[in-house]
Each structure stands twice: as C-alpha cells, then as structure tokens.
PDB file of all heavy atoms in Angstrom:
ATOM      1  N   LYS A   1       0.822  -1.212   0.000  1.00  0.00           N
ATOM      2  CA  LYS A   1       0.000   0.000   0.000  1.00  0.00           C
ATOM      3  C   LYS A   1       0.860   1.267   0.000  1.00  0.00           C
ATOM      4  O   LYS A   1       0.565   2.225  -0.708  1.00  0.00           O
ATOM      5  CB  LYS A   1      -0.933  -0.017   1.201  1.00  0.00           C
ATOM      6  CG  LYS A   1      -1.884   1.143   1.256  1.00  0.00           C
ATOM      7  CD  LYS A   1      -2.851   0.919   2.398  1.00  0.00           C
ATOM      8  CE  LYS A   1      -3.235   2.190   3.056  1.00  0.00           C
ATOM      9  NZ  LYS A   1      -4.100   2.004   4.214  1.00  0.00           N
ATOM     10  N   ALA A   2       1.942   1.275   0.772  1.00  0.00           N
ATOM     11  CA  ALA A   2       2.808   2.461   0.839  1.00  0.00           C
ATOM     12  C   ALA A   2       3.417   2.775  -0.523  1.00  0.00           C
ATOM     13  O   ALA A   2       3.544   3.944  -0.900  1.00  0.00           O
ATOM     14  CB  ALA A   2       3.896   2.262   1.881  1.00  0.00           C
ATOM     15  N   ALA A   3       3.791   1.757  -1.275  1.00  0.00           N
ATOM     16  CA  ALA A   3       4.372   1.963  -2.610  1.00  0.00           C
ATOM     17  C   ALA A   3       3.321   2.533  -3.560  1.00  0.00           C
ATOM     18  O   ALA A   3       3.620   3.415  -4.374  1.00  0.00           O
ATOM     19  CB  ALA A   3       4.939   0.655  -3.154  1.00  0.00           C
ATOM     20  N   ALA A   4       2.090   2.048  -3.450  1.00  0.00           N
ATOM     21  CA  ALA A   4       1.005   2.571  -4.283  1.00  0.00           C
ATOM     22  C   ALA A   4       0.743   4.038  -3.953  1.00  0.00           C
ATOM     23  O   ALA A   4       0.579   4.870  -4.852  1.00  0.00           O
ATOM     24  CB  ALA A   4      -0.267   1.746  -4.086  1.00  0.00           C
ATOM     25  N   GLN A   5       0.736   4.365  -2.664  1.00  0.00           N
ATOM     26  CA  GLN A   5       0.503   5.752  -2.247  1.00  0.00           C
ATOM     27  C   GLN A   5       1.611   6.670  -2.750  1.00  0.00           C
ATOM     28  O   GLN A   5       1.340   7.765  -3.242  1.00  0.00           O
ATOM     29  CB  GLN A   5       0.395   5.821  -0.724  1.00  0.00           C
ATOM     30  CG  GLN A   5       0.074   7.209  -0.210  1.00  0.00           C
ATOM     31  CD  GLN A   5      -0.188   7.209   1.284  1.00  0.00           C
ATOM     32  OE1 GLN A   5      -0.590   6.205   1.864  1.00  0.00           O
ATOM     33  NE2 GLN A   5       0.050   8.341   1.921  1.00  0.00           N
ATOM     34  N   GLU A   6       2.849   6.233  -2.652  1.00  0.00           N
ATOM     35  CA  GLU A   6       3.970   7.034  -3.141  1.00  0.00           C
ATOM     36  C   GLU A   6       3.885   7.234  -4.657  1.00  0.00           C
ATOM     37  O   GLU A   6       4.123   8.328  -5.167  1.00  0.00           O
ATOM     38  CB  GLU A   6       5.298   6.364  -2.774  1.00  0.00           C
ATOM     39  CG  GLU A   6       6.506   7.162  -3.218  1.00  0.00           C
ATOM     40  CD  GLU A   6       7.821   6.487  -2.840  1.00  0.00           C
ATOM     41  OE1 GLU A   6       7.818   5.494  -2.108  1.00  0.00           O
ATOM     42  OE2 GLU A   6       8.865   6.988  -3.307  1.00  0.00           O
ATOM     43  N   PHE A   7       3.523   6.179  -5.384  1.00  0.00           N
ATOM     44  CA  PHE A   7       3.389   6.268  -6.838  1.00  0.00           C
ATOM     45  C   PHE A   7       2.290   7.265  -7.209  1.00  0.00           C
ATOM     46  O   PHE A   7       2.478   8.106  -8.097  1.00  0.00           O
ATOM     47  CB  PHE A   7       3.063   4.882  -7.414  1.00  0.00           C
ATOM     48  CG  PHE A   7       2.929   4.864  -8.909  1.00  0.00           C
ATOM     49  CD1 PHE A   7       4.050   4.754  -9.722  1.00  0.00           C
ATOM     50  CD2 PHE A   7       1.675   4.937  -9.516  1.00  0.00           C
ATOM     51  CE1 PHE A   7       3.925   4.730 -11.107  1.00  0.00           C
ATOM     52  CE2 PHE A   7       1.548   4.914 -10.891  1.00  0.00           C
ATOM     53  CZ  PHE A   7       2.672   4.807 -11.690  1.00  0.00           C
ATOM     54  N   ILE A   8       1.158   7.189  -6.519  1.00  0.00           N
ATOM     55  CA  ILE A   8       0.064   8.133  -6.788  1.00  0.00           C
ATOM     56  C   ILE A   8       0.525   9.554  -6.506  1.00  0.00           C
ATOM     57  O   ILE A   8       0.282  10.464  -7.304  1.00  0.00           O
ATOM     58  CB  ILE A   8      -1.189   7.780  -5.968  1.00  0.00           C
ATOM     59  CG1 ILE A   8      -1.788   6.462  -6.459  1.00  0.00           C
ATOM     60  CG2 ILE A   8      -2.222   8.901  -6.062  1.00  0.00           C
ATOM     61  CD1 ILE A   8      -2.880   5.903  -5.564  1.00  0.00           C
ATOM     62  N   PHE A   9       1.200   9.774  -5.381  1.00  0.00           N
ATOM     63  CA  PHE A   9       1.659  11.120  -5.062  1.00  0.00           C
ATOM     64  C   PHE A   9       2.639  11.631  -6.113  1.00  0.00           C
ATOM     65  O   PHE A   9       2.589  12.799  -6.499  1.00  0.00           O
ATOM     66  CB  PHE A   9       2.283  11.181  -3.666  1.00  0.00           C
ATOM     67  CG  PHE A   9       2.663  12.578  -3.279  1.00  0.00           C
ATOM     68  CD1 PHE A   9       1.692  13.514  -2.961  1.00  0.00           C
ATOM     69  CD2 PHE A   9       3.986  12.977  -3.260  1.00  0.00           C
ATOM     70  CE1 PHE A   9       2.029  14.822  -2.635  1.00  0.00           C
ATOM     71  CE2 PHE A   9       4.337  14.274  -2.926  1.00  0.00           C
ATOM     72  CZ  PHE A   9       3.358  15.198  -2.611  1.00  0.00           C
ATOM     73  N   ASN A  10       3.509  10.758  -6.598  1.00  0.00           N
ATOM     74  CA  ASN A  10       4.466  11.156  -7.632  1.00  0.00           C
ATOM     75  C   ASN A  10       3.792  11.460  -8.967  1.00  0.00           C
ATOM     76  O   ASN A  10       4.385  12.125  -9.819  1.00  0.00           O
ATOM     77  CB  ASN A  10       5.537  10.075  -7.822  1.00  0.00           C
ATOM     78  CG  ASN A  10       6.491  10.006  -6.655  1.00  0.00           C
ATOM     79  OD1 ASN A  10       6.650  10.956  -5.896  1.00  0.00           O
ATOM     80  ND2 ASN A  10       7.110   8.857  -6.476  1.00  0.00           N
ATOM     81  N   HIS A  11       2.574  10.987  -9.163  1.00  0.00           N
ATOM     82  CA  HIS A  11       1.808  11.231 -10.384  1.00  0.00           C
ATOM     83  C   HIS A  11       0.505  11.981 -10.086  1.00  0.00           C
ATOM     84  O   HIS A  11      -0.444  11.914 -10.853  1.00  0.00           O
ATOM     85  CB  HIS A  11       1.493   9.901 -11.088  1.00  0.00           C
ATOM     86  CG  HIS A  11       2.712   9.210 -11.585  1.00  0.00           C
ATOM     87  ND1 HIS A  11       3.444   8.352 -10.800  1.00  0.00           N
ATOM     88  CD2 HIS A  11       3.346   9.281 -12.779  1.00  0.00           C
ATOM     89  CE1 HIS A  11       4.473   7.900 -11.491  1.00  0.00           C
ATOM     90  NE2 HIS A  11       4.455   8.461 -12.688  1.00  0.00           N
ATOM     91  N   ILE A  12       0.482  12.697  -8.976  1.00  0.00           N
ATOM     92  CA  ILE A  12      -0.757  13.321  -8.511  1.00  0.00           C
ATOM     93  C   ILE A  12      -1.312  14.331  -9.512  1.00  0.00           C
ATOM     94  O   ILE A  12      -2.514  14.550  -9.579  1.00  0.00           O
ATOM     95  CB  ILE A  12      -0.575  13.952  -7.106  1.00  0.00           C
ATOM     96  CG1 ILE A  12      -1.912  14.170  -6.413  1.00  0.00           C
ATOM     97  CG2 ILE A  12       0.230  15.235  -7.170  1.00  0.00           C
ATOM     98  CD1 ILE A  12      -2.596  12.908  -5.993  1.00  0.00           C
ATOM     99  N   GLN A  13      -0.450  14.928 -10.337  1.00  0.00           N
ATOM    100  CA  GLN A  13      -0.921  15.919 -11.305  1.00  0.00           C
ATOM    101  C   GLN A  13      -1.916  15.305 -12.296  1.00  0.00           C
ATOM    102  O   GLN A  13      -2.691  16.024 -12.904  1.00  0.00           O
ATOM    103  CB  GLN A  13       0.251  16.581 -12.040  1.00  0.00           C
ATOM    104  CG  GLN A  13       0.946  15.709 -13.063  1.00  0.00           C
ATOM    105  CD  GLN A  13       1.994  14.785 -12.480  1.00  0.00           C
ATOM    106  OE1 GLN A  13       2.185  14.733 -11.266  1.00  0.00           O
ATOM    107  NE2 GLN A  13       2.674  14.043 -13.333  1.00  0.00           N
ATOM    108  N   ILE A  14      -1.911  13.998 -12.438  1.00  0.00           N
ATOM    109  CA  ILE A  14      -2.867  13.324 -13.329  1.00  0.00           C
ATOM    110  C   ILE A  14      -4.266  13.390 -12.736  1.00  0.00           C
ATOM    111  O   ILE A  14      -5.253  13.502 -13.454  1.00  0.00           O
ATOM    112  CB  ILE A  14      -2.464  11.841 -13.530  1.00  0.00           C
ATOM    113  CG1 ILE A  14      -1.042  11.720 -14.050  1.00  0.00           C
ATOM    114  CG2 ILE A  14      -3.455  11.112 -14.412  1.00  0.00           C
ATOM    115  CD1 ILE A  14      -0.790  12.273 -15.417  1.00  0.00           C
ATOM    116  N   PHE A  15      -4.382  13.315 -11.402  1.00  0.00           N
ATOM    117  CA  PHE A  15      -5.675  13.252 -10.726  1.00  0.00           C
ATOM    118  C   PHE A  15      -6.124  14.589 -10.145  1.00  0.00           C
ATOM    119  O   PHE A  15      -7.297  14.873 -10.036  1.00  0.00           O
ATOM    120  CB  PHE A  15      -5.604  12.239  -9.568  1.00  0.00           C
ATOM    121  CG  PHE A  15      -5.202  10.866  -9.990  1.00  0.00           C
ATOM    122  CD1 PHE A  15      -3.890  10.441  -9.869  1.00  0.00           C
ATOM    123  CD2 PHE A  15      -6.140   9.992 -10.522  1.00  0.00           C
ATOM    124  CE1 PHE A  15      -3.512   9.169 -10.255  1.00  0.00           C
ATOM    125  CE2 PHE A  15      -5.770   8.718 -10.913  1.00  0.00           C
ATOM    126  CZ  PHE A  15      -4.458   8.308 -10.776  1.00  0.00           C
ATOM    127  N   PHE A  16      -5.164  15.414  -9.756  1.00  0.00           N
ATOM    128  CA  PHE A  16      -5.394  16.612  -8.945  1.00  0.00           C
ATOM    129  C   PHE A  16      -5.180  17.847  -9.798  1.00  0.00           C
ATOM    130  O   PHE A  16      -4.051  18.202 -10.104  1.00  0.00           O
ATOM    131  CB  PHE A  16      -4.423  16.549  -7.768  1.00  0.00           C
ATOM    132  CG  PHE A  16      -4.532  17.641  -6.742  1.00  0.00           C
ATOM    133  CD1 PHE A  16      -5.697  18.350  -6.532  1.00  0.00           C
ATOM    134  CD2 PHE A  16      -3.448  17.934  -5.939  1.00  0.00           C
ATOM    135  CE1 PHE A  16      -5.772  19.329  -5.562  1.00  0.00           C
ATOM    136  CE2 PHE A  16      -3.501  18.908  -4.965  1.00  0.00           C
ATOM    137  CZ  PHE A  16      -4.671  19.606  -4.776  1.00  0.00           C
ATOM    138  N   PHE A  17      -6.238  18.514 -10.167  1.00  0.00           N
ATOM    139  CA  PHE A  17      -6.178  19.642 -11.097  1.00  0.00           C
ATOM    140  C   PHE A  17      -5.260  20.753 -10.622  1.00  0.00           C
ATOM    141  O   PHE A  17      -4.534  21.335 -11.409  1.00  0.00           O
ATOM    142  CB  PHE A  17      -7.572  20.210 -11.343  1.00  0.00           C
ATOM    143  CG  PHE A  17      -7.556  21.402 -12.260  1.00  0.00           C
ATOM    144  CD1 PHE A  17      -7.388  21.240 -13.612  1.00  0.00           C
ATOM    145  CD2 PHE A  17      -7.699  22.673 -11.757  1.00  0.00           C
ATOM    146  CE1 PHE A  17      -7.357  22.330 -14.465  1.00  0.00           C
ATOM    147  CE2 PHE A  17      -7.683  23.771 -12.603  1.00  0.00           C
ATOM    148  CZ  PHE A  17      -7.511  23.585 -13.953  1.00  0.00           C
ATOM    149  N   CYS A  18      -5.270  21.065  -9.356  1.00  0.00           N
ATOM    150  CA  CYS A  18      -4.512  22.211  -8.859  1.00  0.00           C
ATOM    151  C   CYS A  18      -3.020  22.066  -9.082  1.00  0.00           C
ATOM    152  O   CYS A  18      -2.302  23.044  -9.067  1.00  0.00           O
ATOM    153  CB  CYS A  18      -4.783  22.406  -7.375  1.00  0.00           C
ATOM    154  SG  CYS A  18      -6.487  22.853  -7.042  1.00  0.00           S
ATOM    155  N   LEU A  19      -2.530  20.858  -9.271  1.00  0.00           N
ATOM    156  CA  LEU A  19      -1.109  20.661  -9.469  1.00  0.00           C
ATOM    157  C   LEU A  19      -0.751  20.420 -10.930  1.00  0.00           C
ATOM    158  O   LEU A  19       0.380  20.086 -11.241  1.00  0.00           O
ATOM    159  CB  LEU A  19      -0.608  19.478  -8.622  1.00  0.00           C
ATOM    160  CG  LEU A  19      -0.689  19.686  -7.120  1.00  0.00           C
ATOM    161  CD1 LEU A  19      -0.218  18.434  -6.390  1.00  0.00           C
ATOM    162  CD2 LEU A  19       0.129  20.868  -6.679  1.00  0.00           C
ATOM    163  N   LEU A  20      -1.707  20.568 -11.838  1.00  0.00           N
ATOM    164  CA  LEU A  20      -1.390  20.366 -13.250  1.00  0.00           C
ATOM    165  C   LEU A  20      -0.352  21.385 -13.679  1.00  0.00           C
ATOM    166  O   LEU A  20      -0.456  22.568 -13.393  1.00  0.00           O
ATOM    167  CB  LEU A  20      -2.633  20.535 -14.123  1.00  0.00           C
ATOM    168  CG  LEU A  20      -3.656  19.412 -14.067  1.00  0.00           C
ATOM    169  CD1 LEU A  20      -4.830  19.745 -14.957  1.00  0.00           C
ATOM    170  CD2 LEU A  20      -3.059  18.095 -14.475  1.00  0.00           C
ATOM    171  N   THR A  21       0.662  20.908 -14.351  1.00  0.00           N
ATOM    172  CA  THR A  21       1.739  21.790 -14.782  1.00  0.00           C
ATOM    173  C   THR A  21       1.988  21.591 -16.264  1.00  0.00           C
ATOM    174  O   THR A  21       1.372  20.750 -16.908  1.00  0.00           O
ATOM    175  CB  THR A  21       3.030  21.492 -14.008  1.00  0.00           C
ATOM    176  OG1 THR A  21       3.426  20.161 -14.307  1.00  0.00           O
ATOM    177  CG2 THR A  21       2.851  21.663 -12.514  1.00  0.00           C
ATOM    178  N   SER A  22       2.935  22.320 -16.797  1.00  0.00           N
ATOM    179  CA  SER A  22       3.230  22.245 -18.224  1.00  0.00           C
ATOM    180  C   SER A  22       3.790  20.891 -18.637  1.00  0.00           C
ATOM    181  O   SER A  22       3.799  20.557 -19.795  1.00  0.00           O
ATOM    182  CB  SER A  22       4.211  23.345 -18.615  1.00  0.00           C
ATOM    183  OG  SER A  22       5.405  23.184 -17.869  1.00  0.00           O
ATOM    184  N   HIS A  23       4.288  20.092 -17.665  1.00  0.00           N
ATOM    185  CA  HIS A  23       4.816  18.787 -18.040  1.00  0.00           C
ATOM    186  C   HIS A  23       3.729  17.707 -18.100  1.00  0.00           C
ATOM    187  O   HIS A  23       4.018  16.548 -18.312  1.00  0.00           O
ATOM    188  CB  HIS A  23       5.960  18.353 -17.117  1.00  0.00           C
ATOM    189  CG  HIS A  23       5.532  18.007 -15.727  1.00  0.00           C
ATOM    190  ND1 HIS A  23       5.399  18.949 -14.747  1.00  0.00           N
ATOM    191  CD2 HIS A  23       5.216  16.823 -15.168  1.00  0.00           C
ATOM    192  CE1 HIS A  23       5.026  18.357 -13.631  1.00  0.00           C
ATOM    193  NE2 HIS A  23       4.894  17.063 -13.859  1.00  0.00           N
ATOM    194  N   PHE A  24       2.461  18.112 -17.900  1.00  0.00           N
ATOM    195  CA  PHE A  24       1.354  17.159 -18.042  1.00  0.00           C
ATOM    196  C   PHE A  24       1.381  16.629 -19.471  1.00  0.00           C
ATOM    197  O   PHE A  24       1.480  17.393 -20.425  1.00  0.00           O
ATOM    198  CB  PHE A  24       0.026  17.875 -17.745  1.00  0.00           C
ATOM    199  CG  PHE A  24      -1.156  16.952 -17.711  1.00  0.00           C
ATOM    200  CD1 PHE A  24      -1.236  15.960 -16.742  1.00  0.00           C
ATOM    201  CD2 PHE A  24      -2.173  17.079 -18.626  1.00  0.00           C
ATOM    202  CE1 PHE A  24      -2.321  15.120 -16.698  1.00  0.00           C
ATOM    203  CE2 PHE A  24      -3.260  16.231 -18.587  1.00  0.00           C
ATOM    204  CZ  PHE A  24      -3.333  15.255 -17.615  1.00  0.00           C
ATOM    205  N   PRO A  25       1.345  15.310 -19.668  1.00  0.00           N
ATOM    206  CA  PRO A  25       1.630  14.736 -20.979  1.00  0.00           C
ATOM    207  C   PRO A  25       0.602  15.018 -22.079  1.00  0.00           C
ATOM    208  O   PRO A  25       0.916  14.852 -23.241  1.00  0.00           O
ATOM    209  CB  PRO A  25       1.709  13.238 -20.701  1.00  0.00           C
ATOM    210  CG  PRO A  25       0.994  13.028 -19.428  1.00  0.00           C
ATOM    211  CD  PRO A  25       1.114  14.305 -18.653  1.00  0.00           C
ATOM    212  N   PHE A  26      -0.590  15.449 -21.730  1.00  0.00           N
ATOM    213  CA  PHE A  26      -1.607  15.642 -22.764  1.00  0.00           C
ATOM    214  C   PHE A  26      -2.118  17.065 -22.701  1.00  0.00           C
ATOM    215  O   PHE A  26      -2.717  17.469 -21.730  1.00  0.00           O
ATOM    216  CB  PHE A  26      -2.761  14.649 -22.576  1.00  0.00           C
ATOM    217  CG  PHE A  26      -2.261  13.244 -22.455  1.00  0.00           C
ATOM    218  CD1 PHE A  26      -2.253  12.605 -21.236  1.00  0.00           C
ATOM    219  CD2 PHE A  26      -1.758  12.583 -23.557  1.00  0.00           C
ATOM    220  CE1 PHE A  26      -1.756  11.321 -21.117  1.00  0.00           C
ATOM    221  CE2 PHE A  26      -1.268  11.299 -23.445  1.00  0.00           C
ATOM    222  CZ  PHE A  26      -1.266  10.668 -22.221  1.00  0.00           C
ATOM    223  N   LYS A  27      -1.876  17.815 -23.721  1.00  0.00           N
ATOM    224  CA  LYS A  27      -2.306  19.214 -23.741  1.00  0.00           C
ATOM    225  C   LYS A  27      -3.726  19.285 -24.280  1.00  0.00           C
ATOM    226  O   LYS A  27      -3.951  19.383 -25.471  1.00  0.00           O
ATOM    227  CB  LYS A  27      -1.347  20.047 -24.587  1.00  0.00           C
ATOM    228  CG  LYS A  27       0.053  20.055 -24.002  1.00  0.00           C
ATOM    229  CD  LYS A  27       0.913  21.043 -24.721  1.00  0.00           C
ATOM    230  CE  LYS A  27       2.314  20.990 -24.225  1.00  0.00           C
ATOM    231  NZ  LYS A  27       2.540  21.412 -22.900  1.00  0.00           N
ATOM    232  N   SER A  28      -4.682  19.179 -23.386  1.00  0.00           N
ATOM    233  CA  SER A  28      -6.087  19.283 -23.747  1.00  0.00           C
ATOM    234  C   SER A  28      -6.835  19.796 -22.533  1.00  0.00           C
ATOM    235  O   SER A  28      -6.271  19.944 -21.463  1.00  0.00           O
ATOM    236  CB  SER A  28      -6.649  17.925 -24.182  1.00  0.00           C
ATOM    237  OG  SER A  28      -6.848  17.098 -23.062  1.00  0.00           O
ATOM    238  N   GLU A  29      -8.117  20.043 -22.706  1.00  0.00           N
ATOM    239  CA  GLU A  29      -8.923  20.521 -21.596  1.00  0.00           C
ATOM    240  C   GLU A  29      -9.368  19.365 -20.718  1.00  0.00           C
ATOM    241  O   GLU A  29     -10.009  19.570 -19.710  1.00  0.00           O
ATOM    242  CB  GLU A  29     -10.143  21.269 -22.132  1.00  0.00           C
ATOM    243  CG  GLU A  29      -9.779  22.539 -22.874  1.00  0.00           C
ATOM    244  CD  GLU A  29     -11.002  23.225 -23.439  1.00  0.00           C
ATOM    245  OE1 GLU A  29     -12.124  22.757 -23.175  1.00  0.00           O
ATOM    246  OE2 GLU A  29     -10.834  24.215 -24.151  1.00  0.00           O
ATOM    247  N   ARG A  30      -9.067  18.148 -21.100  1.00  0.00           N
ATOM    248  CA  ARG A  30      -9.530  16.982 -20.366  1.00  0.00           C
ATOM    249  C   ARG A  30      -8.489  16.521 -19.368  1.00  0.00           C
ATOM    250  O   ARG A  30      -7.304  16.528 -19.644  1.00  0.00           O
ATOM    251  CB  ARG A  30      -9.862  15.863 -21.338  1.00  0.00           C
ATOM    252  CG  ARG A  30     -10.993  16.263 -22.258  1.00  0.00           C
ATOM    253  CD  ARG A  30     -11.249  15.241 -23.305  1.00  0.00           C
ATOM    254  NE  ARG A  30     -12.296  15.745 -24.167  1.00  0.00           N
ATOM    255  CZ  ARG A  30     -13.217  14.983 -24.703  1.00  0.00           C
ATOM    256  NH1 ARG A  30     -13.203  13.698 -24.519  1.00  0.00           N
ATOM    257  NH2 ARG A  30     -14.146  15.508 -25.458  1.00  0.00           N
ATOM    258  N   SER A  31      -8.955  16.083 -18.219  1.00  0.00           N
ATOM    259  CA  SER A  31      -8.071  15.586 -17.182  1.00  0.00           C
ATOM    260  C   SER A  31      -8.132  14.065 -17.099  1.00  0.00           C
ATOM    261  O   SER A  31      -7.119  13.417 -16.950  1.00  0.00           O
ATOM    262  CB  SER A  31      -8.477  16.182 -15.833  1.00  0.00           C
ATOM    263  OG  SER A  31      -7.872  15.478 -14.793  1.00  0.00           O
ATOM    264  N   TYR A  32      -9.310  13.506 -17.162  1.00  0.00           N
ATOM    265  CA  TYR A  32      -9.551  12.068 -17.041  1.00  0.00           C
ATOM    266  C   TYR A  32      -9.233  11.539 -15.652  1.00  0.00           C
ATOM    267  O   TYR A  32      -9.209  10.334 -15.456  1.00  0.00           O
ATOM    268  CB  TYR A  32      -8.749  11.268 -18.078  1.00  0.00           C
ATOM    269  CG  TYR A  32      -9.098  11.573 -19.515  1.00  0.00           C
ATOM    270  CD1 TYR A  32      -8.204  12.257 -20.323  1.00  0.00           C
ATOM    271  CD2 TYR A  32     -10.301  11.149 -20.063  1.00  0.00           C
ATOM    272  CE1 TYR A  32      -8.506  12.525 -21.649  1.00  0.00           C
ATOM    273  CE2 TYR A  32     -10.613  11.411 -21.388  1.00  0.00           C
ATOM    274  CZ  TYR A  32      -9.716  12.098 -22.177  1.00  0.00           C
ATOM    275  OH  TYR A  32     -10.021  12.361 -23.476  1.00  0.00           O
ATOM    276  N   GLY A  33      -8.960  12.396 -14.683  1.00  0.00           N
ATOM    277  CA  GLY A  33      -8.559  11.943 -13.355  1.00  0.00           C
ATOM    278  C   GLY A  33      -9.552  11.012 -12.695  1.00  0.00           C
ATOM    279  O   GLY A  33      -9.173   9.992 -12.133  1.00  0.00           O
ATOM    280  N   VAL A  34     -10.836  11.339 -12.749  1.00  0.00           N
ATOM    281  CA  VAL A  34     -11.843  10.508 -12.111  1.00  0.00           C
ATOM    282  C   VAL A  34     -12.035   9.207 -12.892  1.00  0.00           C
ATOM    283  O   VAL A  34     -12.182   8.139 -12.295  1.00  0.00           O
ATOM    284  CB  VAL A  34     -13.180  11.272 -11.942  1.00  0.00           C
ATOM    285  CG1 VAL A  34     -14.272  10.365 -11.399  1.00  0.00           C
ATOM    286  CG2 VAL A  34     -12.984  12.467 -11.009  1.00  0.00           C
TER     287      VAL A  34
END
C-alpha cells in the first residue's frame, strides 16, 4: 500500500487539477482523473 501511495503522489498531477503543470503529458482541456 505504501508503494502505491507514493506512486500516486508522484503522479498526482494526473488526478489533482490544482497541481497540473506544463509537463502534463496531454495538452487538452480533459483531465480524465476521475
């Protein structure tokens, strides 16, 4: 579980809009986080 939590935190910009940055891999208005 701890490894899964760390992986999610390291990729949180995929799920968490407020942390979306320019390195987000898909430049579109869609997040798909949910």
